[in-house]
Amino acid sequence: MFIVSPFALPFLLLCPFKSPSSLPLFTTPLVILPTFTFLPRFPLFLLHPPTLSSLSLFPQVLSSVQRRGGSSVAAAMGLLAYLKTQFVLQLLLGFVFVVSGLIINFIQLLTCVLWPFNKQLYRRINTRLSYSLWSQLVMLLEWWSGTECTLYTDKATVEKFGTEHVIIILNHNYEIDFLCGWTMCERYGVLGSSKVLAKHELLKVPLIGWTWYFLEIVFCKRKWEEDRDTVFRGLDRLKDYPEFMWFLLYCEGTRFTEKKHQISMEVAENKGLPKLKYHLLPRTKGFTTTLKCLKGTVSAVYDVTLNFKDHQVPTLLGIINGKKYMADMRIRRFPVDEIPEDEKECANWLHKLYQEKDALQEHYHKEGTFPGPTITPPRRLWTLLNFLFWATLLLSPLINFACGVVVSGSPLLILGFSLFLIIGE
């Protein structure tokens, strides 16, 4: 008989098995053993403080997980969807991400002593530390929400993924477009070494900005006179990067909105450029500069056009609440040798590319798919196992404290703890 903790339960249900006894051996300790070590007395009803009826739900879930059959699976999945919306579980997810991120940032700070002696070792270590943080966000997309990403591209292009330095051009229409990009990075082994041209303000943001700093991300203020030297120095440092990197560029500069689109098309009209329906006018300076500086390092440019099935408008809140989305990504590979070296011609090439991206979006809105063959790369267990490691490490003392409050028998402590959960709910 297995005792399943409320926090481990959603991840048990996410795995492709029909009973706990059929769990793969290497995943069993990560999911089941923490239950015996620090969660045997956790009050299950605290998942939903306003009602004690949740006490009766978990035995049903356990039996439904152990039983085989469509009805039991449906019942388990229904409860799983319910659990994902619970504030307490979401709070625990956030706690694990923030605390693990601070620990990772501290370790990254310690690795700075390696830079003068062995720069490449410093980079390899920080690539893996960054993976440990970013993969938790990818886990939310892949395992928590179950979002699926389908690629529309040819086999020859797929075979190049993860084997070369490249520049990624991605449309910026959605809150989670970066997560869809990261999940592709993860599946092809380049998540930890992925790069981006980031806003300077993000440097001050804990976890994200600090991790990017140790990853040698290039920060810019979007004022070319001030950014010129910083951008050139930052990009020049990346020429000898030891890991294959995907350098992400949002050439539109900001997320698409109707108001921004109207202003952007006015600029296009004034410059005599063709108008775009689904994109903002691309800013060419960042692309031409990045391509010029990394010439000889990057071997190709991947154009990625992203959209979602059934006109879905995905949000980060939807992901946290476990909502599933269906992402489609049209990927085209352009060898660097085929892109003009002259800055003006290169800028024209980028404008033409965005006109083609607009045509692809038009096709998607009419047909519901992108043209070309499809491939759905399988999600990997590493993101889930990485999160379970941090959850086991960080939640042990937290949940032991909660258990201590309950078994203490102190009405004041129990009432205060319950009020906290009810207010949070």
Protein backbone atom coordinates (compact mmCIF):
# COMPACT_ATOMS: atom_id res chain seq x y z
CA MET A 1 0.00 0.00 0.00
CA PHE A 2 1.25 3.48 -0.88
CA ILE A 3 0.72 6.71 1.04
CA VAL A 4 0.63 9.60 -1.40
CA SER A 5 1.20 13.13 -0.18
CA PRO A 6 -1.00 15.90 -1.60
CA PHE A 7 2.00 17.59 -3.21
CA ALA A 8 3.36 14.42 -4.84
CA LEU A 9 -0.09 13.32 -6.04
CA PRO A 10 -0.34 15.63 -9.08
CA PHE A 11 3.05 14.44 -10.34
CA LEU A 12 2.13 10.82 -9.81
CA LEU A 13 -0.91 11.37 -11.98
CA LEU A 14 1.16 13.14 -14.61
CA CYS A 15 3.35 10.09 -15.20
CA PRO A 16 2.25 7.52 -17.81
CA PHE A 17 1.20 4.69 -15.48
CA LYS A 18 -2.03 3.29 -14.16
CA SER A 19 -1.01 2.29 -10.63
CA PRO A 20 1.78 3.30 -8.25
CA SER A 21 3.24 -0.21 -8.48
CA SER A 22 4.00 0.37 -12.17
CA LEU A 23 6.13 3.47 -11.51
CA PRO A 24 9.60 3.25 -13.07
CA LEU A 25 12.11 2.21 -10.40
CA PHE A 26 14.28 5.32 -10.73
CA THR A 27 11.35 7.70 -10.20
CA THR A 28 9.86 5.85 -7.22
CA PRO A 29 12.28 7.18 -4.57
CA LEU A 30 11.80 10.75 -5.71
CA VAL A 31 8.01 10.65 -5.50
CA ILE A 32 7.11 7.97 -2.97
CA LEU A 33 9.96 8.07 -0.43
CA PRO A 34 9.51 11.76 0.49
CA THR A 35 5.97 10.77 1.45
CA PHE A 36 7.22 8.32 4.09
CA THR A 37 9.97 10.62 5.38
CA PHE A 38 8.16 13.87 6.00
CA LEU A 39 4.55 13.76 4.85
CA PRO A 40 2.86 10.83 6.64
CA ARG A 41 0.80 13.02 8.96
CA PHE A 42 0.10 16.00 6.71
CA PRO A 43 -3.58 17.02 7.06
CA LEU A 44 -5.02 16.43 3.60
CA PHE A 45 -8.06 18.64 4.23
CA LEU A 46 -5.80 21.74 4.32
CA LEU A 47 -5.71 21.67 0.54
CA HIS A 48 -9.13 23.26 0.60
CA PRO A 49 -9.60 25.00 3.98
CA PRO A 50 -13.20 26.22 3.50
CA THR A 51 -14.45 22.66 3.46
CA LEU A 52 -13.50 19.39 5.15
CA SER A 53 -15.07 17.38 2.34
CA SER A 54 -11.65 17.09 0.66
CA LEU A 55 -10.80 14.48 3.30
CA SER A 56 -13.06 12.06 1.50
CA LEU A 57 -11.66 12.87 -1.93
CA PHE A 58 -8.16 11.49 -1.52
CA PRO A 59 -9.11 7.89 -0.73
CA GLN A 60 -11.17 8.00 -3.91
CA VAL A 61 -8.19 9.28 -5.86
CA LEU A 62 -5.87 6.63 -4.45
CA SER A 63 -8.29 3.88 -5.35
CA SER A 64 -8.88 5.35 -8.80
CA VAL A 65 -5.14 5.55 -9.44
CA GLN A 66 -4.79 1.90 -8.44
CA ARG A 67 -7.75 0.72 -10.47
CA ARG A 68 -7.66 0.29 -14.20
CA GLY A 69 -10.36 1.56 -16.51
CA GLY A 70 -11.57 4.67 -18.28
CA SER A 71 -13.89 5.91 -15.54
CA SER A 72 -11.23 5.79 -12.82
CA VAL A 73 -8.72 7.58 -15.04
CA ALA A 74 -11.29 10.27 -15.83
CA ALA A 75 -12.04 10.71 -12.13
CA ALA A 76 -8.35 10.96 -11.31
CA MET A 77 -7.76 13.50 -14.06
CA GLY A 78 -10.74 15.52 -12.87
CA LEU A 79 -9.32 15.71 -9.36
CA LEU A 80 -5.90 16.49 -10.77
CA ALA A 81 -7.35 19.52 -12.55
CA TYR A 82 -8.97 20.56 -9.28
CA LEU A 83 -5.71 20.22 -7.33
CA LYS A 84 -3.83 22.40 -9.79
CA THR A 85 -6.12 25.35 -9.04
CA GLN A 86 -5.51 25.17 -5.28
CA PHE A 87 -3.68 28.18 -3.89
CA VAL A 88 -1.66 26.13 -1.40
CA LEU A 89 -0.13 23.95 -4.12
CA GLN A 90 0.58 26.99 -6.28
CA LEU A 91 2.17 28.69 -3.29
CA LEU A 92 4.42 25.68 -2.77
CA LEU A 93 5.41 25.74 -6.44
CA GLY A 94 6.39 29.39 -6.12
CA PHE A 95 8.24 28.75 -2.87
CA VAL A 96 10.35 26.01 -4.46
CA PHE A 97 11.18 28.17 -7.48
CA VAL A 98 12.14 31.27 -5.49
CA VAL A 99 14.19 29.55 -2.78
CA SER A 100 15.96 27.21 -5.21
CA GLY A 101 16.67 30.22 -7.44
CA LEU A 102 18.29 32.12 -4.58
CA ILE A 103 20.41 29.08 -3.72
CA ILE A 104 21.44 28.73 -7.37
CA ASN A 105 22.30 32.45 -7.59
CA PHE A 106 24.47 32.12 -4.48
CA ILE A 107 26.32 29.15 -5.97
CA GLN A 108 26.76 31.09 -9.21
CA LEU A 109 28.31 33.93 -7.22
CA LEU A 110 30.81 31.50 -5.71
CA THR A 111 31.78 30.22 -9.17
CA CYS A 112 33.05 33.69 -10.12
CA VAL A 113 36.39 32.78 -8.57
CA LEU A 114 36.86 30.36 -11.46
CA TRP A 115 36.62 33.03 -14.18
CA PRO A 116 40.25 34.26 -14.05
CA PHE A 117 41.63 30.70 -14.06
CA ASN A 118 39.26 28.65 -16.19
CA LYS A 119 36.58 30.63 -18.01
CA GLN A 120 35.19 27.63 -19.87
CA LEU A 121 34.73 25.62 -16.67
CA TYR A 122 32.90 28.60 -15.16
CA ARG A 123 30.61 28.64 -18.19
CA ARG A 124 29.90 24.92 -18.14
CA ILE A 125 29.00 25.00 -14.44
CA ASN A 126 26.73 28.03 -14.83
CA THR A 127 25.03 26.49 -17.83
CA ARG A 128 23.97 23.57 -15.67
CA LEU A 129 23.00 25.73 -12.71
CA SER A 130 20.84 27.87 -14.99
CA TYR A 131 19.24 24.74 -16.40
CA SER A 132 18.25 23.71 -12.89
CA LEU A 133 16.30 26.97 -12.52
CA TRP A 134 14.84 27.45 -16.01
CA SER A 135 13.75 23.82 -16.27
CA GLN A 136 11.33 24.41 -13.38
CA LEU A 137 9.43 26.85 -15.59
CA VAL A 138 9.55 24.39 -18.47
CA MET A 139 8.20 21.74 -16.08
CA LEU A 140 5.15 23.93 -15.46
CA LEU A 141 4.47 24.09 -19.19
CA GLU A 142 5.19 20.45 -20.03
CA TRP A 143 4.10 18.49 -16.94
CA TRP A 144 1.89 20.77 -14.82
CA SER A 145 -0.24 22.19 -17.63
CA GLY A 146 0.48 19.43 -20.15
CA THR A 147 0.86 21.91 -23.00
CA GLU A 148 1.91 20.24 -26.25
CA CYS A 149 4.23 21.77 -28.84
CA THR A 150 4.10 20.60 -32.44
CA LEU A 151 6.85 21.59 -34.86
CA TYR A 152 6.18 22.21 -38.54
CA THR A 153 9.52 21.67 -40.23
CA ASP A 154 11.50 19.18 -42.30
CA LYS A 155 13.61 16.30 -41.03
CA ALA A 156 16.88 17.84 -42.23
CA THR A 157 16.25 20.92 -40.07
CA VAL A 158 15.36 18.85 -37.00
CA GLU A 159 18.60 16.90 -37.32
CA LYS A 160 20.50 20.17 -36.90
CA PHE A 161 18.80 21.06 -33.60
CA GLY A 162 21.20 21.15 -30.68
CA THR A 163 24.28 20.66 -32.86
CA GLU A 164 25.08 24.26 -33.84
CA HIS A 165 25.15 27.86 -32.60
CA VAL A 166 22.10 29.68 -34.00
CA ILE A 167 20.07 32.87 -33.80
CA ILE A 168 16.34 32.38 -33.14
CA ILE A 169 13.79 34.89 -34.45
CA LEU A 170 10.47 34.44 -32.62
CA ASN A 171 7.25 36.43 -32.87
CA HIS A 172 6.21 38.13 -29.63
CA ASN A 173 2.41 37.79 -29.43
CA TYR A 174 1.81 35.82 -26.24
CA GLU A 175 2.70 35.80 -22.56
CA ILE A 176 4.16 32.31 -22.79
CA ASP A 177 5.96 32.47 -26.14
CA PHE A 178 9.31 32.43 -24.31
CA LEU A 179 8.24 29.26 -22.47
CA CYS A 180 7.42 27.56 -25.76
CA GLY A 181 10.86 28.57 -27.00
CA TRP A 182 12.46 27.25 -23.82
CA THR A 183 10.68 23.91 -24.03
CA MET A 184 12.19 23.40 -27.48
CA CYS A 185 15.58 24.39 -26.09
CA GLU A 186 15.16 21.82 -23.31
CA ARG A 187 14.12 19.00 -25.59
CA TYR A 188 17.20 19.52 -27.75
CA GLY A 189 19.66 20.05 -24.90
CA VAL A 190 20.41 23.77 -25.12
CA LEU A 191 18.19 25.27 -22.39
CA GLY A 192 21.02 26.09 -19.98
CA SER A 193 23.09 27.77 -22.70
CA SER A 194 20.24 29.68 -24.36
CA LYS A 195 20.86 33.41 -24.72
CA VAL A 196 18.77 36.51 -25.28
CA LEU A 197 19.20 40.22 -25.94
CA ALA A 198 17.47 41.48 -22.78
CA LYS A 199 16.21 44.80 -21.48
CA HIS A 200 18.62 46.41 -19.02
CA GLU A 201 15.85 46.76 -16.42
CA LEU A 202 15.71 42.95 -16.08
CA LEU A 203 19.25 42.94 -14.67
CA LYS A 204 17.82 44.20 -11.38
CA VAL A 205 15.16 41.48 -11.15
CA PRO A 206 16.11 38.76 -8.64
CA LEU A 207 16.46 35.22 -9.95
CA ILE A 208 15.88 35.99 -13.65
CA GLY A 209 18.18 39.00 -14.04
CA TRP A 210 20.81 37.65 -11.67
CA THR A 211 20.93 34.27 -13.39
CA TRP A 212 21.21 35.96 -16.78
CA TYR A 213 24.09 38.07 -15.49
CA PHE A 214 26.11 34.96 -14.61
CA LEU A 215 25.19 33.51 -18.02
CA GLU A 216 26.76 36.53 -19.77
CA ILE A 217 23.44 37.66 -21.22
CA VAL A 218 23.71 40.92 -23.16
CA PHE A 219 21.62 43.69 -21.56
CA CYS A 220 20.70 46.82 -23.51
CA LYS A 221 18.78 50.04 -22.84
CA ARG A 222 17.36 50.20 -26.38
CA LYS A 223 19.23 53.44 -27.01
CA TRP A 224 21.81 52.62 -29.63
CA GLU A 225 24.18 55.46 -28.69
CA GLU A 226 24.43 54.04 -25.14
CA ASP A 227 24.21 50.38 -26.11
CA ARG A 228 26.72 50.24 -28.94
CA ASP A 229 29.85 49.45 -26.91
CA THR A 230 28.03 47.22 -24.40
CA VAL A 231 26.38 45.12 -27.09
CA PHE A 232 29.55 44.71 -29.14
CA ARG A 233 31.59 43.69 -26.08
CA GLY A 234 28.92 41.30 -24.83
CA LEU A 235 28.46 39.57 -28.17
CA ASP A 236 32.20 39.40 -28.80
CA ARG A 237 32.66 37.48 -25.51
CA LEU A 238 30.27 34.78 -26.70
CA LYS A 239 32.33 33.81 -29.75
CA ASP A 240 34.21 31.09 -27.85
CA TYR A 241 31.24 29.80 -25.83
CA PRO A 242 31.86 26.07 -25.14
CA GLU A 243 28.21 24.91 -25.29
CA PHE A 244 25.91 25.08 -28.31
CA MET A 245 23.73 28.15 -27.78
CA TRP A 246 20.45 29.36 -29.22
CA PHE A 247 20.40 33.17 -29.18
CA LEU A 248 16.79 34.39 -29.01
CA LEU A 249 15.80 37.70 -30.60
CA TYR A 250 12.42 39.39 -30.42
CA CYS A 251 12.96 41.62 -33.42
CA GLU A 252 9.64 43.39 -32.81
CA GLY A 253 11.10 44.74 -29.57
CA THR A 254 7.93 44.37 -27.51
CA ARG A 255 4.81 42.22 -27.25
CA PHE A 256 2.12 42.69 -29.88
CA THR A 257 -0.96 44.75 -28.93
CA GLU A 258 -3.50 46.45 -31.16
CA LYS A 259 -2.38 49.89 -30.03
CA LYS A 260 1.28 49.14 -30.64
CA HIS A 261 0.40 47.58 -33.98
CA GLN A 262 -1.41 50.72 -35.10
CA ILE A 263 1.56 52.91 -34.19
CA SER A 264 3.98 50.47 -35.83
CA MET A 265 2.06 50.44 -39.10
CA GLU A 266 2.06 54.23 -39.16
CA VAL A 267 5.85 54.06 -38.98
CA ALA A 268 5.86 51.46 -41.78
CA GLU A 269 3.73 53.72 -43.95
CA ASN A 270 6.04 56.68 -43.35
CA LYS A 271 9.06 54.57 -44.31
CA GLY A 272 7.39 53.11 -47.36
CA LEU A 273 7.48 49.56 -45.99
CA PRO A 274 4.75 46.94 -46.54
CA LYS A 275 2.24 46.75 -43.70
CA LEU A 276 2.00 43.67 -41.50
CA LYS A 277 -1.23 42.22 -40.14
CA TYR A 278 -0.02 39.96 -37.34
CA HIS A 279 3.35 41.46 -36.38
CA LEU A 280 4.93 44.73 -35.41
CA LEU A 281 7.52 46.28 -37.71
CA PRO A 282 10.84 44.55 -36.88
CA ARG A 283 13.67 46.60 -35.45
CA THR A 284 16.61 45.69 -37.65
CA LYS A 285 19.54 47.10 -35.65
CA GLY A 286 19.60 44.36 -33.02
CA PHE A 287 19.46 41.59 -35.62
CA THR A 288 22.06 43.03 -37.98
CA THR A 289 24.44 43.76 -35.08
CA THR A 290 24.04 40.31 -33.53
CA LEU A 291 24.56 38.59 -36.87
CA LYS A 292 27.63 40.70 -37.63
CA CYS A 293 29.24 40.13 -34.22
CA LEU A 294 28.59 36.39 -34.17
CA LYS A 295 29.61 35.82 -37.78
CA GLY A 296 31.79 32.74 -37.80
CA THR A 297 30.20 31.47 -34.58
CA VAL A 298 26.53 31.01 -35.50
CA SER A 299 25.93 28.87 -38.55
CA ALA A 300 22.23 29.53 -39.12
CA VAL A 301 19.17 31.62 -38.32
CA TYR A 302 16.01 29.78 -37.24
CA ASP A 303 12.81 31.63 -38.00
CA VAL A 304 10.10 30.47 -35.58
CA THR A 305 6.46 31.46 -36.07
CA LEU A 306 4.23 30.54 -33.12
CA ASN A 307 0.46 30.19 -32.84
CA PHE A 308 -2.06 28.19 -30.82
CA LYS A 309 -4.92 25.88 -31.76
CA ASP A 310 -8.52 27.05 -31.64
CA HIS A 311 -7.56 30.73 -31.27
CA GLN A 312 -6.34 30.10 -27.72
CA VAL A 313 -4.81 33.08 -25.89
CA PRO A 314 -2.47 31.43 -23.39
CA THR A 315 -1.44 33.16 -20.18
CA LEU A 316 1.02 32.46 -17.38
CA LEU A 317 -1.91 32.30 -14.95
CA GLY A 318 -3.50 29.66 -17.14
CA ILE A 319 -0.30 27.60 -17.02
CA ILE A 320 -0.14 27.89 -13.22
CA ASN A 321 -3.78 26.77 -13.01
CA GLY A 322 -2.91 23.73 -15.09
CA LYS A 323 -4.69 24.74 -18.28
CA LYS A 324 -3.51 22.83 -21.33
CA TYR A 325 -2.65 24.64 -24.56
CA MET A 326 -1.78 23.35 -28.01
CA ALA A 327 1.15 25.23 -29.50
CA ASP A 328 2.19 25.06 -33.16
CA MET A 329 5.59 26.31 -34.29
CA ARG A 330 6.68 26.74 -37.91
CA ILE A 331 10.47 26.57 -38.06
CA ARG A 332 12.60 27.49 -41.05
CA ARG A 333 16.40 27.29 -41.16
CA PHE A 334 18.46 29.87 -43.06
CA PRO A 335 22.23 29.29 -43.32
CA VAL A 336 24.17 32.43 -42.40
CA ASP A 337 25.96 32.30 -45.75
CA GLU A 338 22.64 32.98 -47.51
CA ILE A 339 21.96 36.19 -45.53
CA PRO A 340 23.42 39.43 -46.97
CA GLU A 341 26.44 40.85 -45.11
CA ASP A 342 25.70 44.48 -46.02
CA GLU A 343 23.74 46.08 -43.15
CA LYS A 344 21.11 47.69 -45.38
CA GLU A 345 20.55 44.53 -47.42
CA CYS A 346 20.44 42.48 -44.22
CA ALA A 347 17.75 44.82 -42.85
CA ASN A 348 15.75 44.39 -46.06
CA TRP A 349 16.14 40.62 -45.72
CA LEU A 350 14.63 40.82 -42.21
CA HIS A 351 11.69 42.92 -43.43
CA LYS A 352 11.03 40.36 -46.15
CA LEU A 353 11.23 37.58 -43.56
CA TYR A 354 8.50 39.25 -41.49
CA GLN A 355 6.31 39.57 -44.54
CA GLU A 356 6.68 35.81 -44.98
CA LYS A 357 5.91 35.27 -41.28
CA ASP A 358 2.76 37.36 -41.75
CA ALA A 359 1.73 35.15 -44.67
CA LEU A 360 2.30 32.06 -42.51
CA GLN A 361 0.06 33.51 -39.79
CA GLU A 362 -2.60 34.30 -42.37
CA HIS A 363 -2.45 30.68 -43.56
CA TYR A 364 -2.76 29.47 -39.96
CA HIS A 365 -5.81 31.65 -39.26
CA LYS A 366 -7.53 30.28 -42.37
CA GLU A 367 -6.50 26.60 -42.21
CA GLY A 368 -5.78 26.07 -38.52
CA THR A 369 -2.31 24.66 -39.29
CA PHE A 370 1.00 25.73 -40.75
CA PRO A 371 2.19 24.22 -44.03
CA GLY A 372 4.74 21.45 -44.04
CA PRO A 373 5.45 18.15 -42.25
CA THR A 374 5.03 17.92 -38.48
CA ILE A 375 7.02 16.46 -35.62
CA THR A 376 6.23 16.39 -31.89
CA PRO A 377 9.45 15.92 -29.92
CA PRO A 378 8.78 13.99 -26.69
CA ARG A 379 9.10 15.78 -23.37
CA ARG A 380 11.98 14.58 -21.19
CA LEU A 381 11.84 13.48 -17.57
CA TRP A 382 14.74 15.72 -16.54
CA THR A 383 12.58 18.79 -15.88
CA LEU A 384 10.21 16.83 -13.65
CA LEU A 385 12.99 15.06 -11.77
CA ASN A 386 14.85 18.34 -11.25
CA PHE A 387 11.75 19.92 -9.73
CA LEU A 388 11.04 16.92 -7.51
CA PHE A 389 14.61 17.11 -6.21
CA TRP A 390 14.20 20.76 -5.19
CA ALA A 391 10.70 20.13 -3.82
CA THR A 392 11.94 17.26 -1.67
CA LEU A 393 14.89 19.29 -0.42
CA LEU A 394 13.01 22.51 0.36
CA LEU A 395 9.56 21.36 1.41
CA SER A 396 10.72 18.86 4.04
CA PRO A 397 11.20 21.47 6.82
CA LEU A 398 8.17 23.48 5.70
CA ILE A 399 5.74 20.58 5.80
CA ASN A 400 7.32 19.18 8.95
CA PHE A 401 6.47 22.52 10.54
CA ALA A 402 2.86 22.24 9.34
CA CYS A 403 2.65 18.72 10.73
CA GLY A 404 4.11 19.94 14.01
CA VAL A 405 1.43 22.60 14.26
CA VAL A 406 -1.34 20.05 13.76
CA VAL A 407 -0.01 17.40 16.15
CA SER A 408 0.91 19.99 18.80
CA GLY A 409 -2.70 20.10 19.89
CA SER A 410 -2.50 23.85 20.43
CA PRO A 411 -5.86 25.34 19.37
CA LEU A 412 -4.25 28.75 18.89
CA LEU A 413 -1.55 27.48 16.53
CA ILE A 414 -3.97 25.31 14.56
CA LEU A 415 -6.49 28.16 14.28
CA GLY A 416 -3.81 30.64 13.14
CA PHE A 417 -2.44 28.22 10.54
CA SER A 418 -5.93 27.39 9.26
CA LEU A 419 -6.82 31.09 9.01
CA PHE A 420 -3.70 31.67 6.92
CA LEU A 421 -4.73 28.95 4.49
CA ILE A 422 -8.34 30.16 4.36
CA ILE A 423 -7.25 33.73 3.65
CA GLY A 424 -4.91 32.45 0.95
CA GLU A 425 -7.74 30.46 -0.57
